[in-house]
Amino acid sequence: MMNRLPAAARLRAAEFLLENGTNLQRQRYSFHFEGAGADLVLAALGEYQNDDGGFGSGLEQDLRTKNSSVICTTVALQIMEETRLESENQPLRQAINFLEQQYQFNNWPNIGSNCNDAPHAPWWKFDNEWASGDRFLANPGAEVLGYLLQHNTKLGTETIRSLLERALGHLAQNDLEMHELLCYSRLYHCEALEENYSEAMLPLLLDQAFRLVQVESSNWEEYVLTPIGLVDRPDSIFASFFEDSLDANFAYQINLQSDEGCWTPGWSWGGDFPATWAVVETEIKAELTLRFLLQLKRFDYLEDL
């Protein structure tokens, strides 16, 4: 087992988060590391929820529109899962209702046309031809399916089974890109997924992971899917599959901690919206730092304070 993140480095990361993170990021840190209540996380998360039940306002840092989007709503549901919210919780139910209403063209487009006007990364631009095509949109569709299964969707059994079959067909017949694999991983780990679907998905997911995950440290400077990028917790189905490279990847990532105490993004918006990017970059640094600290905690790679 590798050396843990030293206590001094952990403190520097916490200081960066608490000084530079959003209120939501600070409350999530307090919940996971200081024993604060989940109600504070949910109150902070509520600042991003709109009247239609969806989430916006930069919850996905690269998309700054106030308008609700499927991608921001999936981020919200990931955070709700961190706090183990029950399906009957009102904000969660409203988020599920929003996802049900966004189902169109047999898919869930990540964003809507009303997201284009506000500052955003170049990759978050609505394209009607892409959104209305016949191809199953695994990102975010596979992840959304997991939330609908887990939280008792009203779409109906026949619709959900049809979507699961489409998802399986897409998984079997296409080379995924890394974000699609992450969405499928979230679907696979959904507790409500029936065993026949998880059994059918497993060998396909392992094949895709073997192709996509970069296990050589010489490749980790690029924007690629790394072992710890996929294996987010010890009980992941991929944990044993990438066991030989996880420790090295953790060690590599620990060494990337900046002098500020944070971890930095391997991407930028380029020349688009430079003034907004300065704000966004700080939020992304805080988010990456929080996520990595959580992952180190789950794998017991943090020194005690």
C-alpha atoms as a PDB file:
ATOM      1  CA  MET A   1       0.000   0.000   0.000  1.00  0.00           C
ATOM      2  CA  MET A   2       1.329   3.437  -0.915  1.00  0.00           C
ATOM      3  CA  ASN A   3       1.957   6.310   1.465  1.00  0.00           C
ATOM      4  CA  ARG A   4      -1.149   8.255   2.416  1.00  0.00           C
ATOM      5  CA  LEU A   5      -1.691  11.935   1.704  1.00  0.00           C
ATOM      6  CA  PRO A   6       0.321  13.567   4.513  1.00  0.00           C
ATOM      7  CA  ALA A   7      -1.609  15.433   7.195  1.00  0.00           C
ATOM      8  CA  ALA A   8       0.042  18.739   6.269  1.00  0.00           C
ATOM      9  CA  ALA A   9      -0.952  18.336   2.613  1.00  0.00           C
ATOM     10  CA  ARG A  10      -4.476  17.400   3.683  1.00  0.00           C
ATOM     11  CA  LEU A  11      -4.727  20.570   5.754  1.00  0.00           C
ATOM     12  CA  ARG A  12      -3.552  22.684   2.830  1.00  0.00           C
ATOM     13  CA  ALA A  13      -6.228  21.107   0.634  1.00  0.00           C
ATOM     14  CA  ALA A  14      -8.901  21.777   3.249  1.00  0.00           C
ATOM     15  CA  GLU A  15      -7.771  25.380   3.626  1.00  0.00           C
ATOM     16  CA  PHE A  16      -8.002  25.912  -0.123  1.00  0.00           C
ATOM     17  CA  LEU A  17     -11.497  24.450  -0.202  1.00  0.00           C
ATOM     18  CA  LEU A  18     -12.801  26.476   2.706  1.00  0.00           C
ATOM     19  CA  GLU A  19     -11.296  29.715   1.405  1.00  0.00           C
ATOM     20  CA  ASN A  20     -12.077  29.362  -2.308  1.00  0.00           C
ATOM     21  CA  GLY A  21     -14.886  26.837  -2.713  1.00  0.00           C
ATOM     22  CA  THR A  22     -18.555  27.615  -3.222  1.00  0.00           C
ATOM     23  CA  ASN A  23     -20.924  27.372  -0.273  1.00  0.00           C
ATOM     24  CA  LEU A  24     -22.048  23.976  -1.559  1.00  0.00           C
ATOM     25  CA  GLN A  25     -18.485  22.695  -1.810  1.00  0.00           C
ATOM     26  CA  ARG A  26     -17.730  23.904   1.714  1.00  0.00           C
ATOM     27  CA  GLN A  27     -20.867  22.257   3.113  1.00  0.00           C
ATOM     28  CA  ARG A  28     -20.076  18.975   1.366  1.00  0.00           C
ATOM     29  CA  TYR A  29     -16.578  19.063   2.845  1.00  0.00           C
ATOM     30  CA  SER A  30     -18.010  19.722   6.301  1.00  0.00           C
ATOM     31  CA  PHE A  31     -20.483  16.848   5.887  1.00  0.00           C
ATOM     32  CA  HIS A  32     -17.869  14.309   4.825  1.00  0.00           C
ATOM     33  CA  PHE A  33     -14.958  15.366   7.008  1.00  0.00           C
ATOM     34  CA  GLU A  34     -16.295  17.316   9.980  1.00  0.00           C
ATOM     35  CA  GLY A  35     -19.534  15.517  10.834  1.00  0.00           C
ATOM     36  CA  ALA A  36     -21.852  18.345   9.763  1.00  0.00           C
ATOM     37  CA  GLY A  37     -25.464  17.543   8.915  1.00  0.00           C
ATOM     38  CA  ALA A  38     -26.754  16.593   5.483  1.00  0.00           C
ATOM     39  CA  ASP A  39     -29.407  19.315   5.826  1.00  0.00           C
ATOM     40  CA  LEU A  40     -26.720  21.963   5.306  1.00  0.00           C
ATOM     41  CA  VAL A  41     -25.621  20.275   2.070  1.00  0.00           C
ATOM     42  CA  LEU A  42     -29.201  20.101   0.830  1.00  0.00           C
ATOM     43  CA  ALA A  43     -29.864  23.726   1.709  1.00  0.00           C
ATOM     44  CA  ALA A  44     -26.781  24.795  -0.265  1.00  0.00           C
ATOM     45  CA  LEU A  45     -27.745  22.521  -3.155  1.00  0.00           C
ATOM     46  CA  GLY A  46     -31.200  24.077  -3.190  1.00  0.00           C
ATOM     47  CA  GLU A  47     -29.643  27.354  -4.326  1.00  0.00           C
ATOM     48  CA  TYR A  48     -29.143  25.718  -7.738  1.00  0.00           C
ATOM     49  CA  GLN A  49     -32.653  24.241  -8.137  1.00  0.00           C
ATOM     50  CA  ASN A  50     -35.210  26.010 -10.317  1.00  0.00           C
ATOM     51  CA  ASP A  51     -38.986  26.071 -10.152  1.00  0.00           C
ATOM     52  CA  ASP A  52     -39.191  23.347 -12.828  1.00  0.00           C
ATOM     53  CA  GLY A  53     -37.369  20.940 -10.485  1.00  0.00           C
ATOM     54  CA  GLY A  54     -34.180  20.886 -12.532  1.00  0.00           C
ATOM     55  CA  PHE A  55     -30.813  22.341 -11.599  1.00  0.00           C
ATOM     56  CA  GLY A  56     -28.650  24.996 -13.255  1.00  0.00           C
ATOM     57  CA  SER A  57     -26.663  28.108 -12.281  1.00  0.00           C
ATOM     58  CA  GLY A  58     -23.239  26.555 -12.816  1.00  0.00           C
ATOM     59  CA  LEU A  59     -23.694  23.400 -10.744  1.00  0.00           C
ATOM     60  CA  GLU A  60     -21.777  21.810 -13.609  1.00  0.00           C
ATOM     61  CA  GLN A  61     -19.014  24.398 -13.554  1.00  0.00           C
ATOM     62  CA  ASP A  62     -18.475  24.524 -17.321  1.00  0.00           C
ATOM     63  CA  LEU A  63     -22.128  25.462 -17.948  1.00  0.00           C
ATOM     64  CA  ARG A  64     -23.095  28.824 -16.420  1.00  0.00           C
ATOM     65  CA  THR A  65     -26.697  29.306 -17.512  1.00  0.00           C
ATOM     66  CA  LYS A  66     -29.296  29.710 -14.756  1.00  0.00           C
ATOM     67  CA  ASN A  67     -31.654  27.521 -16.787  1.00  0.00           C
ATOM     68  CA  SER A  68     -32.156  23.898 -15.816  1.00  0.00           C
ATOM     69  CA  SER A  69     -30.403  21.172 -17.761  1.00  0.00           C
ATOM     70  CA  VAL A  70     -30.229  17.414 -17.571  1.00  0.00           C
ATOM     71  CA  ILE A  71     -26.460  17.502 -17.014  1.00  0.00           C
ATOM     72  CA  CYS A  72     -26.712  19.827 -14.007  1.00  0.00           C
ATOM     73  CA  THR A  73     -29.581  17.756 -12.623  1.00  0.00           C
ATOM     74  CA  THR A  74     -27.508  14.569 -12.806  1.00  0.00           C
ATOM     75  CA  VAL A  75     -24.731  16.371 -10.914  1.00  0.00           C
ATOM     76  CA  ALA A  76     -27.300  17.314  -8.262  1.00  0.00           C
ATOM     77  CA  LEU A  77     -28.434  13.700  -7.980  1.00  0.00           C
ATOM     78  CA  GLN A  78     -24.833  12.548  -7.549  1.00  0.00           C
ATOM     79  CA  ILE A  79     -24.535  14.937  -4.603  1.00  0.00           C
ATOM     80  CA  MET A  80     -27.866  13.764  -3.188  1.00  0.00           C
ATOM     81  CA  GLU A  81     -26.588  10.189  -3.356  1.00  0.00           C
ATOM     82  CA  GLU A  82     -23.565  11.238  -1.285  1.00  0.00           C
ATOM     83  CA  THR A  83     -25.988  12.131   1.507  1.00  0.00           C
ATOM     84  CA  ARG A  84     -28.099   8.941   1.015  1.00  0.00           C
ATOM     85  CA  LEU A  85     -31.325  10.876   0.445  1.00  0.00           C
ATOM     86  CA  GLU A  86     -34.558   8.875   0.448  1.00  0.00           C
ATOM     87  CA  SER A  87     -36.666   8.811  -2.726  1.00  0.00           C
ATOM     88  CA  GLU A  88     -39.504  10.656  -0.976  1.00  0.00           C
ATOM     89  CA  ASN A  89     -37.386  13.774  -0.396  1.00  0.00           C
ATOM     90  CA  GLN A  90     -39.129  16.670  -2.153  1.00  0.00           C
ATOM     91  CA  PRO A  91     -36.140  18.234  -4.001  1.00  0.00           C
ATOM     92  CA  LEU A  92     -35.118  14.771  -5.177  1.00  0.00           C
ATOM     93  CA  ARG A  93     -38.648  13.975  -6.375  1.00  0.00           C
ATOM     94  CA  GLN A  94     -38.736  17.303  -8.213  1.00  0.00           C
ATOM     95  CA  ALA A  95     -35.422  16.475  -9.895  1.00  0.00           C
ATOM     96  CA  ILE A  96     -36.743  13.073 -11.011  1.00  0.00           C
ATOM     97  CA  ASN A  97     -39.914  14.734 -12.339  1.00  0.00           C
ATOM     98  CA  PHE A  98     -37.754  17.170 -14.299  1.00  0.00           C
ATOM     99  CA  LEU A  99     -35.816  14.297 -15.889  1.00  0.00           C
ATOM    100  CA  GLU A 100     -39.056  12.575 -16.835  1.00  0.00           C
ATOM    101  CA  GLN A 101     -40.279  15.758 -18.525  1.00  0.00           C
ATOM    102  CA  GLN A 102     -37.011  16.166 -20.450  1.00  0.00           C
ATOM    103  CA  TYR A 103     -37.344  12.765 -22.141  1.00  0.00           C
ATOM    104  CA  GLN A 104     -37.664  13.504 -25.865  1.00  0.00           C
ATOM    105  CA  PHE A 105     -36.717  11.843 -29.141  1.00  0.00           C
ATOM    106  CA  ASN A 106     -36.244   8.650 -27.055  1.00  0.00           C
ATOM    107  CA  ASN A 107     -33.296  10.330 -25.343  1.00  0.00           C
ATOM    108  CA  TRP A 108     -32.208  12.885 -22.762  1.00  0.00           C
ATOM    109  CA  PRO A 109     -30.212  15.709 -24.363  1.00  0.00           C
ATOM    110  CA  ASN A 110     -27.556  16.922 -21.918  1.00  0.00           C
ATOM    111  CA  ILE A 111     -28.584  20.536 -22.380  1.00  0.00           C
ATOM    112  CA  GLY A 112     -31.397  22.474 -24.028  1.00  0.00           C
ATOM    113  CA  SER A 113     -31.298  25.273 -26.589  1.00  0.00           C
ATOM    114  CA  ASN A 114     -31.892  27.795 -23.780  1.00  0.00           C
ATOM    115  CA  CYS A 115     -28.407  27.038 -22.428  1.00  0.00           C
ATOM    116  CA  ASN A 116     -26.457  28.524 -25.339  1.00  0.00           C
ATOM    117  CA  ASP A 117     -26.715  32.226 -24.470  1.00  0.00           C
ATOM    118  CA  ALA A 118     -24.877  32.167 -21.131  1.00  0.00           C
ATOM    119  CA  PRO A 119     -21.102  31.607 -20.848  1.00  0.00           C
ATOM    120  CA  HIS A 120     -20.143  27.958 -21.316  1.00  0.00           C
ATOM    121  CA  ALA A 121     -17.275  25.731 -22.333  1.00  0.00           C
ATOM    122  CA  PRO A 122     -17.078  25.079 -26.089  1.00  0.00           C
ATOM    123  CA  TRP A 123     -18.267  21.499 -25.625  1.00  0.00           C
ATOM    124  CA  TRP A 124     -21.521  22.587 -23.944  1.00  0.00           C
ATOM    125  CA  LYS A 125     -23.388  23.961 -26.941  1.00  0.00           C
ATOM    126  CA  PHE A 126     -26.831  22.667 -27.867  1.00  0.00           C
ATOM    127  CA  ASP A 127     -27.030  21.030 -31.280  1.00  0.00           C
ATOM    128  CA  ASN A 128     -30.559  20.131 -32.367  1.00  0.00           C
ATOM    129  CA  GLU A 129     -29.382  17.589 -34.941  1.00  0.00           C
ATOM    130  CA  TRP A 130     -27.364  15.766 -32.285  1.00  0.00           C
ATOM    131  CA  ALA A 131     -30.148  15.953 -29.692  1.00  0.00           C
ATOM    132  CA  SER A 132     -32.868  14.611 -32.012  1.00  0.00           C
ATOM    133  CA  GLY A 133     -30.946  11.768 -33.681  1.00  0.00           C
ATOM    134  CA  ASP A 134     -31.785   8.076 -33.411  1.00  0.00           C
ATOM    135  CA  ARG A 135     -28.571   7.121 -31.590  1.00  0.00           C
ATOM    136  CA  PHE A 136     -28.904   6.346 -27.880  1.00  0.00           C
ATOM    137  CA  LEU A 137     -27.246   9.196 -25.985  1.00  0.00           C
ATOM    138  CA  ALA A 138     -25.399   7.222 -23.343  1.00  0.00           C
ATOM    139  CA  ASN A 139     -24.128  10.452 -21.824  1.00  0.00           C
ATOM    140  CA  PRO A 140     -26.377  11.192 -19.998  1.00  0.00           C
ATOM    141  CA  GLY A 141     -28.996   8.537 -20.818  1.00  0.00           C
ATOM    142  CA  ALA A 142     -27.341   5.575 -19.087  1.00  0.00           C
ATOM    143  CA  GLU A 143     -26.845   7.545 -15.877  1.00  0.00           C
ATOM    144  CA  VAL A 144     -30.384   8.968 -15.982  1.00  0.00           C
ATOM    145  CA  LEU A 145     -31.800   5.450 -16.300  1.00  0.00           C
ATOM    146  CA  GLY A 146     -30.100   4.524 -13.030  1.00  0.00           C
ATOM    147  CA  TYR A 147     -31.713   7.427 -11.184  1.00  0.00           C
ATOM    148  CA  LEU A 148     -35.151   6.663 -12.613  1.00  0.00           C
ATOM    149  CA  LEU A 149     -34.848   3.019 -11.578  1.00  0.00           C
ATOM    150  CA  GLN A 150     -33.619   3.909  -8.102  1.00  0.00           C
ATOM    151  CA  HIS A 151     -36.287   6.495  -7.435  1.00  0.00           C
ATOM    152  CA  ASN A 152     -39.481   4.942  -8.842  1.00  0.00           C
ATOM    153  CA  THR A 153     -40.002   6.688 -12.148  1.00  0.00           C
ATOM    154  CA  LYS A 154     -43.450   7.338 -13.568  1.00  0.00           C
ATOM    155  CA  LEU A 155     -42.297   6.674 -17.147  1.00  0.00           C
ATOM    156  CA  GLY A 156     -43.630   3.130 -16.956  1.00  0.00           C
ATOM    157  CA  THR A 157     -42.104  -0.336 -16.996  1.00  0.00           C
ATOM    158  CA  GLU A 158     -42.391  -0.791 -20.766  1.00  0.00           C
ATOM    159  CA  THR A 159     -40.590   2.473 -21.529  1.00  0.00           C
ATOM    160  CA  ILE A 160     -37.812   1.739 -19.041  1.00  0.00           C
ATOM    161  CA  ARG A 161     -37.272  -1.797 -20.338  1.00  0.00           C
ATOM    162  CA  SER A 162     -37.134  -0.490 -23.883  1.00  0.00           C
ATOM    163  CA  LEU A 163     -34.545   2.089 -22.843  1.00  0.00           C
ATOM    164  CA  LEU A 164     -32.479  -0.519 -21.018  1.00  0.00           C
ATOM    165  CA  GLU A 165     -32.460  -2.659 -24.164  1.00  0.00           C
ATOM    166  CA  ARG A 166     -31.347   0.355 -26.202  1.00  0.00           C
ATOM    167  CA  ALA A 167     -28.630   1.060 -23.652  1.00  0.00           C
ATOM    168  CA  LEU A 168     -27.395  -2.535 -23.797  1.00  0.00           C
ATOM    169  CA  GLY A 169     -27.420  -2.511 -27.579  1.00  0.00           C
ATOM    170  CA  HIS A 170     -25.433   0.703 -27.677  1.00  0.00           C
ATOM    171  CA  LEU A 171     -22.934  -0.673 -25.172  1.00  0.00           C
ATOM    172  CA  ALA A 172     -22.450  -3.858 -27.196  1.00  0.00           C
ATOM    173  CA  GLN A 173     -22.191  -2.258 -30.622  1.00  0.00           C
ATOM    174  CA  ASN A 174     -20.168   0.917 -30.100  1.00  0.00           C
ATOM    175  CA  ASP A 175     -16.788   1.976 -28.810  1.00  0.00           C
ATOM    176  CA  LEU A 176     -17.667   4.297 -25.949  1.00  0.00           C
ATOM    177  CA  GLU A 177     -15.870   7.483 -25.086  1.00  0.00           C
ATOM    178  CA  MET A 178     -14.790   7.950 -21.482  1.00  0.00           C
ATOM    179  CA  HIS A 179     -17.751  10.006 -20.233  1.00  0.00           C
ATOM    180  CA  GLU A 180     -20.178   7.465 -21.667  1.00  0.00           C
ATOM    181  CA  LEU A 181     -18.401   4.699 -19.772  1.00  0.00           C
ATOM    182  CA  LEU A 182     -18.729   6.676 -16.540  1.00  0.00           C
ATOM    183  CA  CYS A 183     -22.483   6.990 -17.148  1.00  0.00           C
ATOM    184  CA  TYR A 184     -22.778   3.247 -17.749  1.00  0.00           C
ATOM    185  CA  SER A 185     -20.791   2.590 -14.592  1.00  0.00           C
ATOM    186  CA  ARG A 186     -23.297   4.622 -12.566  1.00  0.00           C
ATOM    187  CA  LEU A 187     -26.153   2.648 -14.122  1.00  0.00           C
ATOM    188  CA  TYR A 188     -24.448  -0.665 -13.375  1.00  0.00           C
ATOM    189  CA  HIS A 189     -23.943   0.264  -9.723  1.00  0.00           C
ATOM    190  CA  CYS A 190     -27.595   1.253  -9.309  1.00  0.00           C
ATOM    191  CA  GLU A 191     -29.040  -0.964  -6.584  1.00  0.00           C
ATOM    192  CA  ALA A 192     -32.389  -1.196  -8.388  1.00  0.00           C
ATOM    193  CA  LEU A 193     -30.960  -2.561 -11.649  1.00  0.00           C
ATOM    194  CA  GLU A 194     -32.274  -6.067 -12.253  1.00  0.00           C
ATOM    195  CA  GLU A 195     -29.688  -8.836 -12.168  1.00  0.00           C
ATOM    196  CA  ASN A 196     -30.251  -9.956 -15.749  1.00  0.00           C
ATOM    197  CA  TYR A 197     -29.264  -6.508 -16.991  1.00  0.00           C
ATOM    198  CA  SER A 198     -26.210  -6.204 -14.739  1.00  0.00           C
ATOM    199  CA  GLU A 199     -25.032  -9.674 -15.803  1.00  0.00           C
ATOM    200  CA  ALA A 200     -25.371  -8.724 -19.463  1.00  0.00           C
ATOM    201  CA  MET A 201     -23.568  -5.414 -18.920  1.00  0.00           C
ATOM    202  CA  LEU A 202     -20.592  -6.663 -16.920  1.00  0.00           C
ATOM    203  CA  PRO A 203     -18.430  -8.289 -19.648  1.00  0.00           C
ATOM    204  CA  LEU A 204     -19.207  -5.430 -22.024  1.00  0.00           C
ATOM    205  CA  LEU A 205     -18.203  -2.833 -19.430  1.00  0.00           C
ATOM    206  CA  LEU A 206     -14.963  -4.633 -18.664  1.00  0.00           C
ATOM    207  CA  ASP A 207     -14.098  -4.777 -22.374  1.00  0.00           C
ATOM    208  CA  GLN A 208     -14.788  -1.057 -22.748  1.00  0.00           C
ATOM    209  CA  ALA A 209     -12.797  -0.238 -19.614  1.00  0.00           C
ATOM    210  CA  PHE A 210      -9.834  -2.307 -20.805  1.00  0.00           C
ATOM    211  CA  ARG A 211      -9.828  -0.275 -24.023  1.00  0.00           C
ATOM    212  CA  LEU A 212     -10.364   3.170 -22.492  1.00  0.00           C
ATOM    213  CA  VAL A 213      -8.508   3.281 -19.178  1.00  0.00           C
ATOM    214  CA  GLN A 214      -4.881   4.330 -19.461  1.00  0.00           C
ATOM    215  CA  VAL A 215      -2.771   2.319 -17.022  1.00  0.00           C
ATOM    216  CA  GLU A 216       0.664   3.655 -18.022  1.00  0.00           C
ATOM    217  CA  SER A 217       1.804   6.730 -16.098  1.00  0.00           C
ATOM    218  CA  SER A 218       3.351   8.170 -19.263  1.00  0.00           C
ATOM    219  CA  ASN A 219      -0.188   8.793 -20.536  1.00  0.00           C
ATOM    220  CA  TRP A 220      -1.590  10.439 -17.420  1.00  0.00           C
ATOM    221  CA  GLU A 221      -0.536  13.969 -18.340  1.00  0.00           C
ATOM    222  CA  GLU A 222      -3.203  13.950 -21.061  1.00  0.00           C
ATOM    223  CA  TYR A 223      -6.956  14.327 -20.583  1.00  0.00           C
ATOM    224  CA  VAL A 224      -7.663  10.598 -20.432  1.00  0.00           C
ATOM    225  CA  LEU A 225      -9.548   8.138 -18.256  1.00  0.00           C
ATOM    226  CA  THR A 226      -7.206   6.908 -15.542  1.00  0.00           C
ATOM    227  CA  PRO A 227      -7.738   3.988 -13.134  1.00  0.00           C
ATOM    228  CA  ILE A 228      -8.808   6.285 -10.300  1.00  0.00           C
ATOM    229  CA  GLY A 229     -10.955   8.234 -12.738  1.00  0.00           C
ATOM    230  CA  LEU A 230     -13.108   5.131 -13.169  1.00  0.00           C
ATOM    231  CA  VAL A 231     -12.645   3.328  -9.856  1.00  0.00           C
ATOM    232  CA  ASP A 232     -14.216   5.861  -7.518  1.00  0.00           C
ATOM    233  CA  ARG A 233     -14.741   3.537  -4.534  1.00  0.00           C
ATOM    234  CA  PRO A 234     -13.354   0.210  -3.278  1.00  0.00           C
ATOM    235  CA  ASP A 235     -16.585  -1.692  -4.028  1.00  0.00           C
ATOM    236  CA  SER A 236     -16.558  -0.685  -7.703  1.00  0.00           C
ATOM    237  CA  ILE A 237     -16.744  -3.619 -10.107  1.00  0.00           C
ATOM    238  CA  PHE A 238     -13.594  -2.235 -11.713  1.00  0.00           C
ATOM    239  CA  ALA A 239     -11.526  -2.204  -8.501  1.00  0.00           C
ATOM    240  CA  SER A 240      -9.982  -5.659  -8.863  1.00  0.00           C
ATOM    241  CA  PHE A 241      -9.707  -5.244 -12.646  1.00  0.00           C
ATOM    242  CA  PHE A 242      -7.315  -2.284 -12.196  1.00  0.00           C
ATOM    243  CA  GLU A 243      -5.830  -3.295  -8.858  1.00  0.00           C
ATOM    244  CA  ASP A 244      -2.267  -3.350 -10.193  1.00  0.00           C
ATOM    245  CA  SER A 245      -2.346   0.291 -11.309  1.00  0.00           C
ATOM    246  CA  LEU A 246      -4.502   1.966  -8.656  1.00  0.00           C
ATOM    247  CA  ASP A 247      -1.747   2.582  -6.098  1.00  0.00           C
ATOM    248  CA  ALA A 248       0.576   4.059  -8.715  1.00  0.00           C
ATOM    249  CA  ASN A 249      -2.204   6.292 -10.000  1.00  0.00           C
ATOM    250  CA  PHE A 250      -3.054   7.521  -6.496  1.00  0.00           C
ATOM    251  CA  ALA A 251       0.621   8.281  -5.858  1.00  0.00           C
ATOM    252  CA  TYR A 252       0.899  10.139  -9.158  1.00  0.00           C
ATOM    253  CA  GLN A 253      -2.188  12.233  -8.393  1.00  0.00           C
ATOM    254  CA  ILE A 254      -1.086  13.048  -4.855  1.00  0.00           C
ATOM    255  CA  ASN A 255       2.140  14.453  -6.273  1.00  0.00           C
ATOM    256  CA  LEU A 256       0.156  16.825  -8.492  1.00  0.00           C
ATOM    257  CA  GLN A 257      -1.102  18.856  -5.543  1.00  0.00           C
ATOM    258  CA  SER A 258      -0.315  22.486  -6.315  1.00  0.00           C
ATOM    259  CA  ASP A 259       1.399  25.003  -4.082  1.00  0.00           C
ATOM    260  CA  GLU A 260      -2.074  26.445  -3.417  1.00  0.00           C
ATOM    261  CA  GLY A 261      -3.074  23.104  -1.888  1.00  0.00           C
ATOM    262  CA  CYS A 262      -5.527  22.159  -4.634  1.00  0.00           C
ATOM    263  CA  TRP A 263      -5.645  19.968  -7.704  1.00  0.00           C
ATOM    264  CA  THR A 264      -6.003  21.760 -11.038  1.00  0.00           C
ATOM    265  CA  PRO A 265      -8.013  20.979 -14.178  1.00  0.00           C
ATOM    266  CA  GLY A 266      -6.357  19.575 -17.258  1.00  0.00           C
ATOM    267  CA  TRP A 267      -8.615  21.640 -19.511  1.00  0.00           C
ATOM    268  CA  SER A 268      -9.709  25.235 -20.108  1.00  0.00           C
ATOM    269  CA  TRP A 269     -12.259  27.124 -22.189  1.00  0.00           C
ATOM    270  CA  GLY A 270      -9.614  28.473 -24.526  1.00  0.00           C
ATOM    271  CA  GLY A 271     -10.423  31.961 -25.774  1.00  0.00           C
ATOM    272  CA  ASP A 272     -14.125  31.786 -24.947  1.00  0.00           C
ATOM    273  CA  PHE A 273     -15.411  33.950 -22.087  1.00  0.00           C
ATOM    274  CA  PRO A 274     -12.001  34.686 -20.471  1.00  0.00           C
ATOM    275  CA  ALA A 275     -13.443  36.729 -17.582  1.00  0.00           C
ATOM    276  CA  THR A 276     -15.863  33.921 -16.676  1.00  0.00           C
ATOM    277  CA  TRP A 277     -13.145  31.283 -16.933  1.00  0.00           C
ATOM    278  CA  ALA A 278     -11.203  32.924 -14.103  1.00  0.00           C
ATOM    279  CA  VAL A 279     -14.146  32.298 -11.768  1.00  0.00           C
ATOM    280  CA  VAL A 280     -14.908  28.869 -13.200  1.00  0.00           C
ATOM    281  CA  GLU A 281     -11.322  27.659 -12.860  1.00  0.00           C
ATOM    282  CA  THR A 282     -11.336  28.387  -9.123  1.00  0.00           C
ATOM    283  CA  GLU A 283     -14.604  26.473  -8.679  1.00  0.00           C
ATOM    284  CA  ILE A 284     -13.226  23.541 -10.680  1.00  0.00           C
ATOM    285  CA  LYS A 285     -10.060  23.484  -8.581  1.00  0.00           C
ATOM    286  CA  ALA A 286     -12.198  23.296  -5.443  1.00  0.00           C
ATOM    287  CA  GLU A 287     -14.397  20.561  -6.945  1.00  0.00           C
ATOM    288  CA  LEU A 288     -11.444  18.436  -8.057  1.00  0.00           C
ATOM    289  CA  THR A 289      -9.850  18.837  -4.646  1.00  0.00           C
ATOM    290  CA  LEU A 290     -13.030  17.849  -2.824  1.00  0.00           C
ATOM    291  CA  ARG A 291     -13.601  14.817  -5.033  1.00  0.00           C
ATOM    292  CA  PHE A 292     -10.025  13.607  -4.645  1.00  0.00           C
ATOM    293  CA  LEU A 293     -10.097  14.006  -0.881  1.00  0.00           C
ATOM    294  CA  LEU A 294     -13.321  11.980  -0.800  1.00  0.00           C
ATOM    295  CA  GLN A 295     -11.743   9.282  -2.929  1.00  0.00           C
ATOM    296  CA  LEU A 296      -8.653   9.174  -0.720  1.00  0.00           C
ATOM    297  CA  LYS A 297     -10.935   8.823   2.302  1.00  0.00           C
ATOM    298  CA  ARG A 298     -12.873   5.939   0.734  1.00  0.00           C
ATOM    299  CA  PHE A 299      -9.640   4.081  -0.042  1.00  0.00           C
ATOM    300  CA  ASP A 300      -8.083   4.915   3.323  1.00  0.00           C
ATOM    301  CA  TYR A 301      -5.262   6.945   1.803  1.00  0.00           C
ATOM    302  CA  LEU A 302      -5.524   9.965   4.137  1.00  0.00           C
ATOM    303  CA  GLU A 303      -3.245  10.484   7.099  1.00  0.00           C
ATOM    304  CA  ASP A 304      -5.112  11.310  10.284  1.00  0.00           C
ATOM    305  CA  LEU A 305      -5.043  14.944  11.356  1.00  0.00           C
END
